[in-house]
């Protein structure tokens, strides 16, 4: 709703734990709103803006231990 007034794309992060009984950290990891995922989302936005090379993004994925083939938690 507010994105039309922002100077760039809006990248939102959020979680919906309905129906899941894990602790907060598990839910943050599952829904990809933990610190690692937020860092990667930020780097991805910089990459989309042309301010970060693909190799830096790929290295971050590896260094952060993120599985890019993990199913989308919103769909699964």
PDB file of N, CA and C in Angstrom:
ATOM      1  N   UNK A   1       0.804  -1.186   0.000  1.00  0.00           N
ATOM      2  CA  UNK A   1       0.000   0.000   0.000  1.00  0.00           C
ATOM      3  C   UNK A   1       0.859   1.266   0.000  1.00  0.00           C
ATOM      4  N   UNK A   2       1.988   1.221   0.674  1.00  0.00           N
ATOM      5  CA  UNK A   2       2.835   2.418   0.739  1.00  0.00           C
ATOM      6  C   UNK A   2       3.950   2.396  -0.297  1.00  0.00           C
ATOM      7  N   UNK A   3       4.112   1.291  -1.007  1.00  0.00           N
ATOM      8  CA  UNK A   3       5.254   1.139  -1.903  1.00  0.00           C
ATOM      9  C   UNK A   3       5.323   2.209  -2.993  1.00  0.00           C
ATOM     10  N   UNK A   4       4.197   2.734  -3.425  1.00  0.00           N
ATOM     11  CA  UNK A   4       4.235   3.739  -4.488  1.00  0.00           C
ATOM     12  C   UNK A   4       4.899   5.045  -4.035  1.00  0.00           C
ATOM     13  N   UNK A   5       5.035   5.240  -2.732  1.00  0.00           N
ATOM     14  CA  UNK A   5       5.668   6.458  -2.222  1.00  0.00           C
ATOM     15  C   UNK A   5       7.132   6.245  -1.823  1.00  0.00           C
ATOM     16  N   UNK A   6       7.634   5.034  -1.966  1.00  0.00           N
ATOM     17  CA  UNK A   6       9.015   4.742  -1.597  1.00  0.00           C
ATOM     18  C   UNK A   6       9.931   4.930  -2.798  1.00  0.00           C
ATOM     19  N   UNK A   7      11.204   5.260  -2.564  1.00  0.00           N
ATOM     20  CA  UNK A   7      12.121   5.513  -3.670  1.00  0.00           C
ATOM     21  C   UNK A   7      12.577   4.259  -4.410  1.00  0.00           C
ATOM     22  N   UNK A   8      12.242   3.078  -3.890  1.00  0.00           N
ATOM     23  CA  UNK A   8      12.641   1.828  -4.540  1.00  0.00           C
ATOM     24  C   UNK A   8      11.638   0.735  -4.188  1.00  0.00           C
ATOM     25  N   UNK A   9      11.885  -0.463  -4.720  1.00  0.00           N
ATOM     26  CA  UNK A   9      11.036  -1.615  -4.417  1.00  0.00           C
ATOM     27  C   UNK A   9      10.928  -1.848  -2.924  1.00  0.00           C
ATOM     28  N   UNK A  10       9.799  -2.340  -2.475  1.00  0.00           N
ATOM     29  CA  UNK A  10       9.610  -2.690  -1.081  1.00  0.00           C
ATOM     30  C   UNK A  10       9.880  -4.181  -0.934  1.00  0.00           C
ATOM     31  N   UNK A  11      10.784  -4.538  -0.038  1.00  0.00           N
ATOM     32  CA  UNK A  11      11.055  -5.943   0.271  1.00  0.00           C
ATOM     33  C   UNK A  11      10.554  -6.181   1.685  1.00  0.00           C
ATOM     34  N   UNK A  12       9.448  -6.880   1.799  1.00  0.00           N
ATOM     35  CA  UNK A  12       8.870  -7.080   3.126  1.00  0.00           C
ATOM     36  C   UNK A  12       9.254  -8.438   3.697  1.00  0.00           C
ATOM     37  N   UNK A  13       9.324  -8.493   5.010  1.00  0.00           N
ATOM     38  CA  UNK A  13       9.602  -9.729   5.724  1.00  0.00           C
ATOM     39  C   UNK A  13       8.512  -9.903   6.763  1.00  0.00           C
ATOM     40  N   UNK A  14       8.101 -11.139   6.967  1.00  0.00           N
ATOM     41  CA  UNK A  14       7.073 -11.372   7.960  1.00  0.00           C
ATOM     42  C   UNK A  14       6.924 -12.843   8.243  1.00  0.00           C
ATOM     43  N   UNK A  15       6.105 -13.165   9.199  1.00  0.00           N
ATOM     44  CA  UNK A  15       5.897 -14.561   9.565  1.00  0.00           C
ATOM     45  C   UNK A  15       4.463 -14.785   9.991  1.00  0.00           C
ATOM     46  N   UNK A  16       4.004 -15.984   9.733  1.00  0.00           N
ATOM     47  CA  UNK A  16       2.685 -16.396  10.175  1.00  0.00           C
ATOM     48  C   UNK A  16       2.838 -17.798  10.739  1.00  0.00           C
ATOM     49  N   UNK A  17       2.849 -17.927  12.035  1.00  0.00           N
ATOM     50  CA  UNK A  17       3.091 -19.209  12.672  1.00  0.00           C
ATOM     51  C   UNK A  17       1.846 -20.036  12.928  1.00  0.00           C
ATOM     52  N   UNK A  18       0.738 -19.689  12.342  1.00  0.00           N
ATOM     53  CA  UNK A  18      -0.511 -20.405  12.572  1.00  0.00           C
ATOM     54  C   UNK A  18      -0.344 -21.889  12.265  1.00  0.00           C
ATOM     55  N   UNK A  19      -0.715 -22.714  13.233  1.00  0.00           N
ATOM     56  CA  UNK A  19      -0.672 -24.148  13.017  1.00  0.00           C
ATOM     57  C   UNK A  19       0.688 -24.774  13.257  1.00  0.00           C
ATOM     58  N   UNK A  20       1.660 -24.013  13.721  1.00  0.00           N
ATOM     59  CA  UNK A  20       2.993 -24.554  13.965  1.00  0.00           C
ATOM     60  C   UNK A  20       3.284 -24.410  15.452  1.00  0.00           C
ATOM     61  N   UNK A  21       3.875 -25.434  16.039  1.00  0.00           N
ATOM     62  CA  UNK A  21       4.076 -25.410  17.487  1.00  0.00           C
ATOM     63  C   UNK A  21       5.535 -25.229  17.903  1.00  0.00           C
ATOM     64  N   UNK A  22       6.438 -25.019  16.948  1.00  0.00           N
ATOM     65  CA  UNK A  22       7.834 -24.848  17.292  1.00  0.00           C
ATOM     66  C   UNK A  22       8.053 -23.554  18.061  1.00  0.00           C
ATOM     67  N   UNK A  23       9.233 -23.416  18.634  1.00  0.00           N
ATOM     68  CA  UNK A  23       9.599 -22.184  19.321  1.00  0.00           C
ATOM     69  C   UNK A  23       9.833 -21.055  18.334  1.00  0.00           C
ATOM     70  N   UNK A  24      10.018 -19.875  18.861  1.00  0.00           N
ATOM     71  CA  UNK A  24      10.172 -18.689  18.007  1.00  0.00           C
ATOM     72  C   UNK A  24      11.329 -18.813  17.027  1.00  0.00           C
ATOM     73  N   UNK A  25      12.506 -19.276  17.497  1.00  0.00           N
ATOM     74  CA  UNK A  25      13.650 -19.368  16.598  1.00  0.00           C
ATOM     75  C   UNK A  25      13.384 -20.345  15.453  1.00  0.00           C
ATOM     76  N   UNK A  26      12.766 -21.469  15.760  1.00  0.00           N
ATOM     77  CA  UNK A  26      12.432 -22.441  14.712  1.00  0.00           C
ATOM     78  C   UNK A  26      11.477 -21.841  13.686  1.00  0.00           C
ATOM     79  N   UNK A  27      10.504 -21.085  14.175  1.00  0.00           N
ATOM     80  CA  UNK A  27       9.553 -20.445  13.263  1.00  0.00           C
ATOM     81  C   UNK A  27      10.240 -19.391  12.405  1.00  0.00           C
ATOM     82  N   UNK A  28      11.129 -18.611  13.007  1.00  0.00           N
ATOM     83  CA  UNK A  28      11.862 -17.600  12.230  1.00  0.00           C
ATOM     84  C   UNK A  28      12.685 -18.255  11.137  1.00  0.00           C
ATOM     85  N   UNK A  29      13.338 -19.360  11.462  1.00  0.00           N
ATOM     86  CA  UNK A  29      14.130 -20.074  10.462  1.00  0.00           C
ATOM     87  C   UNK A  29      13.219 -20.656   9.385  1.00  0.00           C
ATOM     88  N   UNK A  30      12.134 -21.309   9.798  1.00  0.00           N
ATOM     89  CA  UNK A  30      11.212 -21.921   8.843  1.00  0.00           C
ATOM     90  C   UNK A  30      10.658 -20.896   7.864  1.00  0.00           C
ATOM     91  N   UNK A  31      10.231 -19.745   8.390  1.00  0.00           N
ATOM     92  CA  UNK A  31       9.624 -18.724   7.541  1.00  0.00           C
ATOM     93  C   UNK A  31      10.644 -17.758   6.945  1.00  0.00           C
ATOM     94  N   UNK A  32      11.934 -18.047   7.156  1.00  0.00           N
ATOM     95  CA  UNK A  32      13.029 -17.276   6.572  1.00  0.00           C
ATOM     96  C   UNK A  32      12.996 -15.805   6.988  1.00  0.00           C
ATOM     97  N   UNK A  33      12.750 -15.563   8.264  1.00  0.00           N
ATOM     98  CA  UNK A  33      12.809 -14.206   8.807  1.00  0.00           C
ATOM     99  C   UNK A  33      13.800 -14.145   9.973  1.00  0.00           C
ATOM    100  N   UNK A  34      14.739 -15.095   9.988  1.00  0.00           N
ATOM    101  CA  UNK A  34      15.806 -15.076  10.974  1.00  0.00           C
ATOM    102  C   UNK A  34      16.919 -14.152  10.481  1.00  0.00           C
ATOM    103  N   UNK A  35      17.920 -13.937  11.288  1.00  0.00           N
ATOM    104  CA  UNK A  35      18.995 -12.993  10.945  1.00  0.00           C
ATOM    105  C   UNK A  35      19.694 -13.374   9.642  1.00  0.00           C
ATOM    106  N   UNK A  36      19.947 -14.676   9.429  1.00  0.00           N
ATOM    107  CA  UNK A  36      20.625 -15.109   8.196  1.00  0.00           C
ATOM    108  C   UNK A  36      19.791 -14.777   6.963  1.00  0.00           C
ATOM    109  N   UNK A  37      18.514 -15.064   7.054  1.00  0.00           N
ATOM    110  CA  UNK A  37      17.632 -14.821   5.909  1.00  0.00           C
ATOM    111  C   UNK A  37      17.446 -13.337   5.626  1.00  0.00           C
ATOM    112  N   UNK A  38      17.383 -12.528   6.678  1.00  0.00           N
ATOM    113  CA  UNK A  38      17.255 -11.079   6.496  1.00  0.00           C
ATOM    114  C   UNK A  38      18.518 -10.519   5.847  1.00  0.00           C
ATOM    115  N   UNK A  39      19.681 -11.011   6.291  1.00  0.00           N
ATOM    116  CA  UNK A  39      20.943 -10.571   5.681  1.00  0.00           C
ATOM    117  C   UNK A  39      20.960 -10.934   4.200  1.00  0.00           C
ATOM    118  N   UNK A  40      20.548 -12.158   3.868  1.00  0.00           N
ATOM    119  CA  UNK A  40      20.537 -12.575   2.468  1.00  0.00           C
ATOM    120  C   UNK A  40      19.513 -11.780   1.656  1.00  0.00           C
ATOM    121  N   UNK A  41      18.348 -11.511   2.228  1.00  0.00           N
ATOM    122  CA  UNK A  41      17.333 -10.719   1.521  1.00  0.00           C
ATOM    123  C   UNK A  41      17.868  -9.325   1.201  1.00  0.00           C
ATOM    124  N   UNK A  42      18.617  -8.753   2.133  1.00  0.00           N
ATOM    125  CA  UNK A  42      19.213  -7.436   1.911  1.00  0.00           C
ATOM    126  C   UNK A  42      20.232  -7.490   0.782  1.00  0.00           C
ATOM    127  N   UNK A  43      21.093  -8.503   0.813  1.00  0.00           N
ATOM    128  CA  UNK A  43      22.097  -8.659  -0.249  1.00  0.00           C
ATOM    129  C   UNK A  43      21.425  -8.908  -1.601  1.00  0.00           C
ATOM    130  N   UNK A  44      20.346  -9.674  -1.597  1.00  0.00           N
ATOM    131  CA  UNK A  44      19.619  -9.941  -2.840  1.00  0.00           C
ATOM    132  C   UNK A  44      19.040  -8.652  -3.429  1.00  0.00           C
ATOM    133  N   UNK A  45      18.484  -7.805  -2.580  1.00  0.00           N
ATOM    134  CA  UNK A  45      17.963  -6.519  -3.053  1.00  0.00           C
ATOM    135  C   UNK A  45      19.075  -5.655  -3.641  1.00  0.00           C
ATOM    136  N   UNK A  46      20.233  -5.638  -3.004  1.00  0.00           N
ATOM    137  CA  UNK A  46      21.379  -4.894  -3.541  1.00  0.00           C
ATOM    138  C   UNK A  46      21.805  -5.469  -4.890  1.00  0.00           C
ATOM    139  N   UNK A  47      21.748  -6.783  -5.004  1.00  0.00           N
ATOM    140  CA  UNK A  47      22.078  -7.436  -6.281  1.00  0.00           C
ATOM    141  C   UNK A  47      21.077  -7.027  -7.369  1.00  0.00           C
ATOM    142  N   UNK A  48      19.789  -7.023  -7.023  1.00  0.00           N
ATOM    143  CA  UNK A  48      18.768  -6.621  -7.998  1.00  0.00           C
ATOM    144  C   UNK A  48      18.951  -5.175  -8.441  1.00  0.00           C
ATOM    145  N   UNK A  49      19.464  -4.346  -7.544  1.00  0.00           N
ATOM    146  CA  UNK A  49      19.725  -2.943  -7.873  1.00  0.00           C
ATOM    147  C   UNK A  49      21.042  -2.755  -8.632  1.00  0.00           C
ATOM    148  N   UNK A  50      21.772  -3.847  -8.867  1.00  0.00           N
ATOM    149  CA  UNK A  50      23.031  -3.767  -9.590  1.00  0.00           C
ATOM    150  C   UNK A  50      24.189  -3.261  -8.734  1.00  0.00           C
ATOM    151  N   UNK A  51      24.047  -3.325  -7.423  1.00  0.00           N
ATOM    152  CA  UNK A  51      25.083  -2.815  -6.528  1.00  0.00           C
ATOM    153  C   UNK A  51      25.919  -3.929  -5.904  1.00  0.00           C
ATOM    154  N   UNK A  52      25.642  -5.168  -6.287  1.00  0.00           N
ATOM    155  CA  UNK A  52      26.350  -6.308  -5.726  1.00  0.00           C
ATOM    156  C   UNK A  52      26.496  -7.369  -6.808  1.00  0.00           C
ATOM    157  N   UNK A  53      27.694  -7.896  -6.951  1.00  0.00           N
ATOM    158  CA  UNK A  53      27.939  -8.914  -7.973  1.00  0.00           C
ATOM    159  C   UNK A  53      27.345 -10.261  -7.556  1.00  0.00           C
ATOM    160  N   UNK A  54      27.003 -11.069  -8.545  1.00  0.00           N
ATOM    161  CA  UNK A  54      26.427 -12.386  -8.306  1.00  0.00           C
ATOM    162  C   UNK A  54      27.345 -13.244  -7.450  1.00  0.00           C
ATOM    163  N   UNK A  55      28.652 -13.156  -7.681  1.00  0.00           N
ATOM    164  CA  UNK A  55      29.580 -14.003  -6.926  1.00  0.00           C
ATOM    165  C   UNK A  55      29.558 -13.670  -5.431  1.00  0.00           C
ATOM    166  N   UNK A  56      29.313 -12.417  -5.082  1.00  0.00           N
ATOM    167  CA  UNK A  56      29.216 -12.023  -3.675  1.00  0.00           C
ATOM    168  C   UNK A  56      27.950 -12.624  -3.065  1.00  0.00           C
ATOM    169  N   UNK A  57      26.862 -12.586  -3.819  1.00  0.00           N
ATOM    170  CA  UNK A  57      25.608 -13.164  -3.359  1.00  0.00           C
ATOM    171  C   UNK A  57      25.747 -14.675  -3.179  1.00  0.00           C
ATOM    172  N   UNK A  58      26.364 -15.337  -4.151  1.00  0.00           N
ATOM    173  CA  UNK A  58      26.577 -16.781  -4.062  1.00  0.00           C
ATOM    174  C   UNK A  58      27.437 -17.150  -2.856  1.00  0.00           C
ATOM    175  N   UNK A  59      28.471 -16.364  -2.588  1.00  0.00           N
ATOM    176  CA  UNK A  59      29.335 -16.609  -1.437  1.00  0.00           C
ATOM    177  C   UNK A  59      28.557 -16.439  -0.134  1.00  0.00           C
ATOM    178  N   UNK A  60      27.708 -15.433  -0.073  1.00  0.00           N
ATOM    179  CA  UNK A  60      26.898 -15.205   1.129  1.00  0.00           C
ATOM    180  C   UNK A  60      25.966 -16.383   1.383  1.00  0.00           C
ATOM    181  N   UNK A  61      25.354 -16.904   0.341  1.00  0.00           N
ATOM    182  CA  UNK A  61      24.465 -18.065   0.478  1.00  0.00           C
ATOM    183  C   UNK A  61      25.234 -19.226   1.092  1.00  0.00           C
ATOM    184  N   UNK A  62      26.434 -19.457   0.577  1.00  0.00           N
ATOM    185  CA  UNK A  62      27.276 -20.545   1.096  1.00  0.00           C
ATOM    186  C   UNK A  62      27.704 -20.254   2.531  1.00  0.00           C
ATOM    187  N   UNK A  63      28.224 -19.056   2.785  1.00  0.00           N
ATOM    188  CA  UNK A  63      28.730 -18.708   4.113  1.00  0.00           C
ATOM    189  C   UNK A  63      27.630 -18.712   5.179  1.00  0.00           C
ATOM    190  N   UNK A  64      26.422 -18.327   4.794  1.00  0.00           N
ATOM    191  CA  UNK A  64      25.308 -18.294   5.740  1.00  0.00           C
ATOM    192  C   UNK A  64      24.653 -19.664   5.933  1.00  0.00           C
ATOM    193  N   UNK A  65      25.055 -20.625   5.088  1.00  0.00           N
ATOM    194  CA  UNK A  65      24.502 -21.971   5.207  1.00  0.00           C
ATOM    195  C   UNK A  65      23.046 -22.057   4.809  1.00  0.00           C
ATOM    196  N   UNK A  66      22.683 -21.282   3.801  1.00  0.00           N
ATOM    197  CA  UNK A  66      21.288 -21.256   3.341  1.00  0.00           C
ATOM    198  C   UNK A  66      21.124 -22.180   2.144  1.00  0.00           C
ATOM    199  N   UNK A  67      20.093 -22.995   2.161  1.00  0.00           N
ATOM    200  CA  UNK A  67      19.802 -23.905   1.061  1.00  0.00           C
ATOM    201  C   UNK A  67      18.873 -23.196   0.077  1.00  0.00           C
ATOM    202  N   UNK A  68      19.394 -22.777  -1.080  1.00  0.00           N
ATOM    203  CA  UNK A  68      18.536 -22.066  -2.040  1.00  0.00           C
ATOM    204  C   UNK A  68      17.475 -22.962  -2.685  1.00  0.00           C
ATOM    205  N   UNK A  69      17.585 -24.275  -2.508  1.00  0.00           N
ATOM    206  CA  UNK A  69      16.609 -25.208  -3.079  1.00  0.00           C
ATOM    207  C   UNK A  69      15.487 -25.543  -2.089  1.00  0.00           C
ATOM    208  N   UNK A  70      15.541 -24.976  -0.881  1.00  0.00           N
ATOM    209  CA  UNK A  70      14.517 -25.226   0.131  1.00  0.00           C
ATOM    210  C   UNK A  70      13.159 -24.764  -0.401  1.00  0.00           C
ATOM    211  N   UNK A  71      12.124 -25.558  -0.190  1.00  0.00           N
ATOM    212  CA  UNK A  71      10.788 -25.147  -0.648  1.00  0.00           C
ATOM    213  C   UNK A  71      10.359 -23.834  -0.014  1.00  0.00           C
ATOM    214  N   UNK A  72       9.590 -23.061  -0.754  1.00  0.00           N
ATOM    215  CA  UNK A  72       9.064 -21.788  -0.261  1.00  0.00           C
ATOM    216  C   UNK A  72       8.144 -22.073   0.930  1.00  0.00           C
ATOM    217  N   UNK A  73       8.443 -21.497   2.107  1.00  0.00           N
ATOM    218  CA  UNK A  73       7.627 -21.788   3.287  1.00  0.00           C
ATOM    219  C   UNK A  73       6.200 -21.270   3.200  1.00  0.00           C
ATOM    220  N   UNK A  74       5.955 -20.319   2.343  1.00  0.00           N
ATOM    221  CA  UNK A  74       4.614 -19.775   2.192  1.00  0.00           C
ATOM    222  C   UNK A  74       3.730 -20.739   1.410  1.00  0.00           C
ATOM    223  N   UNK A  75       4.358 -21.490   0.513  1.00  0.00           N
ATOM    224  CA  UNK A  75       3.612 -22.424  -0.336  1.00  0.00           C
ATOM    225  C   UNK A  75       3.519 -23.805   0.298  1.00  0.00           C
ATOM    226  N   UNK A  76       4.560 -24.207   1.020  1.00  0.00           N
ATOM    227  CA  UNK A  76       4.597 -25.581   1.560  1.00  0.00           C
ATOM    228  C   UNK A  76       3.687 -25.785   2.725  1.00  0.00           C
TER     229      UNK A  76
END
